[in-house]
Amino acid sequence: MSNSIPQPPSINLEDFSKRSLEFYEQIKDRLEKEAMNKYVAVDYETSNYWLGETASGALSKAKEQFPNKVFYLLQVGSPTAFGVQSMMTSDLFGKRSGYGFNWAY
């Protein structure tokens, strides 16, 4: 058994944020009509997005489909954007124990 802690993927945060926000701009009008004030996790690489009542709800849906990806989270209609990098953590027995968040404002 390895004692190493899984590390999140290495990404260029500036490029990641720029591309994520560009993708959000493409879907912004639709989301503001259908999901104002909800949270959205976006993945510009696959052109997918997931909605939730909370940031963790949107992220959980995204992680179900792509457990090892990093997502950009926004609140629909909010003038302030924030990005969240997350990864699933595990306890000593390999069971899922929740999400670890690194917030980037």
C-alpha atoms as a PDB file:
ATOM      1  CA  MET A   1       0.000   0.000   0.000  1.00  0.00           C
ATOM      2  CA  SER A   2       1.331   3.402  -0.963  1.00  0.00           C
ATOM      3  CA  ASN A   3       1.282   6.236   1.550  1.00  0.00           C
ATOM      4  CA  SER A   4       1.446   8.918  -1.131  1.00  0.00           C
ATOM      5  CA  ILE A   5      -1.378  11.413  -1.392  1.00  0.00           C
ATOM      6  CA  PRO A   6      -2.912  11.776  -4.878  1.00  0.00           C
ATOM      7  CA  GLN A   7      -1.941  15.062  -6.504  1.00  0.00           C
ATOM      8  CA  PRO A   8      -4.280  17.122  -8.672  1.00  0.00           C
ATOM      9  CA  PRO A   9      -3.351  17.419 -12.337  1.00  0.00           C
ATOM     10  CA  SER A  10      -0.909  20.164 -13.232  1.00  0.00           C
ATOM     11  CA  ILE A  11      -2.637  22.887 -15.247  1.00  0.00           C
ATOM     12  CA  ASN A  12      -1.956  26.415 -16.427  1.00  0.00           C
ATOM     13  CA  LEU A  13      -4.498  28.284 -14.290  1.00  0.00           C
ATOM     14  CA  GLU A  14      -4.489  31.392 -16.477  1.00  0.00           C
ATOM     15  CA  ASP A  15      -5.266  29.410 -19.636  1.00  0.00           C
ATOM     16  CA  PHE A  16      -7.759  27.196 -17.775  1.00  0.00           C
ATOM     17  CA  SER A  17      -9.643  30.224 -16.443  1.00  0.00           C
ATOM     18  CA  LYS A  18      -9.617  32.033 -19.786  1.00  0.00           C
ATOM     19  CA  ARG A  19     -10.922  29.045 -21.742  1.00  0.00           C
ATOM     20  CA  SER A  20     -13.502  28.194 -19.080  1.00  0.00           C
ATOM     21  CA  LEU A  21     -14.873  31.745 -19.106  1.00  0.00           C
ATOM     22  CA  GLU A  22     -14.934  31.775 -22.919  1.00  0.00           C
ATOM     23  CA  PHE A  23     -17.038  28.592 -22.876  1.00  0.00           C
ATOM     24  CA  TYR A  24     -19.314  30.051 -20.187  1.00  0.00           C
ATOM     25  CA  GLU A  25     -19.907  33.126 -22.381  1.00  0.00           C
ATOM     26  CA  GLN A  26     -21.166  30.784 -25.129  1.00  0.00           C
ATOM     27  CA  ILE A  27     -23.819  29.265 -22.821  1.00  0.00           C
ATOM     28  CA  LYS A  28     -24.446  32.255 -20.547  1.00  0.00           C
ATOM     29  CA  ASP A  29     -27.681  33.523 -22.156  1.00  0.00           C
ATOM     30  CA  ARG A  30     -29.300  30.082 -22.049  1.00  0.00           C
ATOM     31  CA  LEU A  31     -28.250  29.496 -18.441  1.00  0.00           C
ATOM     32  CA  GLU A  32     -29.446  32.908 -17.283  1.00  0.00           C
ATOM     33  CA  LYS A  33     -32.899  32.119 -18.710  1.00  0.00           C
ATOM     34  CA  GLU A  34     -33.095  28.596 -17.259  1.00  0.00           C
ATOM     35  CA  ALA A  35     -30.921  28.528 -14.137  1.00  0.00           C
ATOM     36  CA  MET A  36     -30.388  32.002 -12.680  1.00  0.00           C
ATOM     37  CA  ASN A  37     -28.486  31.935  -9.358  1.00  0.00           C
ATOM     38  CA  LYS A  38     -27.738  28.196  -9.607  1.00  0.00           C
ATOM     39  CA  TYR A  39     -24.158  27.003  -9.801  1.00  0.00           C
ATOM     40  CA  VAL A  40     -22.539  25.580 -12.897  1.00  0.00           C
ATOM     41  CA  ALA A  41     -19.414  23.453 -13.275  1.00  0.00           C
ATOM     42  CA  VAL A  42     -18.001  23.905 -16.776  1.00  0.00           C
ATOM     43  CA  ASP A  43     -15.578  21.834 -18.809  1.00  0.00           C
ATOM     44  CA  TYR A  44     -14.464  23.689 -21.918  1.00  0.00           C
ATOM     45  CA  GLU A  45     -12.577  20.640 -23.224  1.00  0.00           C
ATOM     46  CA  THR A  46     -15.750  18.572 -23.636  1.00  0.00           C
ATOM     47  CA  SER A  47     -18.219  21.498 -23.901  1.00  0.00           C
ATOM     48  CA  ASN A  48     -20.177  20.006 -20.993  1.00  0.00           C
ATOM     49  CA  TYR A  49     -21.672  21.711 -17.978  1.00  0.00           C
ATOM     50  CA  TRP A  50     -23.497  20.584 -14.848  1.00  0.00           C
ATOM     51  CA  LEU A  51     -25.948  22.591 -12.747  1.00  0.00           C
ATOM     52  CA  GLY A  52     -26.582  22.427  -9.018  1.00  0.00           C
ATOM     53  CA  GLU A  53     -28.381  24.368  -6.308  1.00  0.00           C
ATOM     54  CA  THR A  54     -24.994  24.662  -4.582  1.00  0.00           C
ATOM     55  CA  ALA A  55     -21.406  24.771  -5.814  1.00  0.00           C
ATOM     56  CA  SER A  56     -20.752  21.330  -4.333  1.00  0.00           C
ATOM     57  CA  GLY A  57     -23.920  19.995  -5.986  1.00  0.00           C
ATOM     58  CA  ALA A  58     -22.779  21.095  -9.445  1.00  0.00           C
ATOM     59  CA  LEU A  59     -19.272  19.772  -8.807  1.00  0.00           C
ATOM     60  CA  SER A  60     -20.570  16.421  -7.550  1.00  0.00           C
ATOM     61  CA  LYS A  61     -22.542  15.922 -10.772  1.00  0.00           C
ATOM     62  CA  ALA A  62     -19.495  16.776 -12.879  1.00  0.00           C
ATOM     63  CA  LYS A  63     -17.252  14.462 -10.830  1.00  0.00           C
ATOM     64  CA  GLU A  64     -19.688  11.556 -11.328  1.00  0.00           C
ATOM     65  CA  GLN A  65     -18.967  11.670 -15.051  1.00  0.00           C
ATOM     66  CA  PHE A  66     -15.312  12.769 -14.923  1.00  0.00           C
ATOM     67  CA  PRO A  67     -13.879  11.972 -11.469  1.00  0.00           C
ATOM     68  CA  ASN A  68     -10.310  13.055 -12.276  1.00  0.00           C
ATOM     69  CA  LYS A  69     -10.971  16.311 -14.121  1.00  0.00           C
ATOM     70  CA  VAL A  70     -10.669  19.855 -12.829  1.00  0.00           C
ATOM     71  CA  PHE A  71     -13.721  22.077 -13.314  1.00  0.00           C
ATOM     72  CA  TYR A  72     -14.436  25.784 -13.263  1.00  0.00           C
ATOM     73  CA  LEU A  73     -17.407  26.790 -11.106  1.00  0.00           C
ATOM     74  CA  LEU A  74     -19.543  29.892 -11.421  1.00  0.00           C
ATOM     75  CA  GLN A  75     -22.819  31.128 -10.047  1.00  0.00           C
ATOM     76  CA  VAL A  76     -25.126  31.816 -12.981  1.00  0.00           C
ATOM     77  CA  GLY A  77     -25.816  35.535 -13.271  1.00  0.00           C
ATOM     78  CA  SER A  78     -23.252  36.519 -10.662  1.00  0.00           C
ATOM     79  CA  PRO A  79     -20.819  39.289 -11.598  1.00  0.00           C
ATOM     80  CA  THR A  80     -18.099  37.577  -9.569  1.00  0.00           C
ATOM     81  CA  ALA A  81     -16.626  34.344 -10.877  1.00  0.00           C
ATOM     82  CA  PHE A  82     -14.631  31.858  -8.906  1.00  0.00           C
ATOM     83  CA  GLY A  83     -12.801  28.739  -9.921  1.00  0.00           C
ATOM     84  CA  VAL A  84     -12.604  25.595  -7.894  1.00  0.00           C
ATOM     85  CA  GLN A  85     -10.095  22.844  -8.302  1.00  0.00           C
ATOM     86  CA  SER A  86     -11.177  19.639  -6.635  1.00  0.00           C
ATOM     87  CA  MET A  87     -10.297  16.031  -6.245  1.00  0.00           C
ATOM     88  CA  MET A  88     -11.885  13.112  -4.453  1.00  0.00           C
ATOM     89  CA  THR A  89     -10.153  12.182  -1.233  1.00  0.00           C
ATOM     90  CA  SER A  90     -10.053   8.692   0.221  1.00  0.00           C
ATOM     91  CA  ASP A  91      -9.719   7.379   3.711  1.00  0.00           C
ATOM     92  CA  LEU A  92      -7.263   4.652   4.699  1.00  0.00           C
ATOM     93  CA  PHE A  93      -9.625   1.933   3.499  1.00  0.00           C
ATOM     94  CA  GLY A  94     -10.055   3.413   0.028  1.00  0.00           C
ATOM     95  CA  LYS A  95     -13.596   4.648   0.626  1.00  0.00           C
ATOM     96  CA  ARG A  96     -14.680   8.023  -0.642  1.00  0.00           C
ATOM     97  CA  SER A  97     -14.694  10.507   2.163  1.00  0.00           C
ATOM     98  CA  GLY A  98     -15.540  13.763   0.412  1.00  0.00           C
ATOM     99  CA  TYR A  99     -14.062  16.479  -1.711  1.00  0.00           C
ATOM    100  CA  GLY A 100     -11.038  18.618  -1.091  1.00  0.00           C
ATOM    101  CA  PHE A 101     -11.355  22.122  -2.487  1.00  0.00           C
ATOM    102  CA  ASN A 102      -8.721  24.641  -3.501  1.00  0.00           C
ATOM    103  CA  TRP A 103     -10.493  27.940  -4.163  1.00  0.00           C
ATOM    104  CA  ALA A 104      -9.103  30.426  -6.702  1.00  0.00           C
ATOM    105  CA  TYR A 105     -10.849  33.795  -6.827  1.00  0.00           C
END
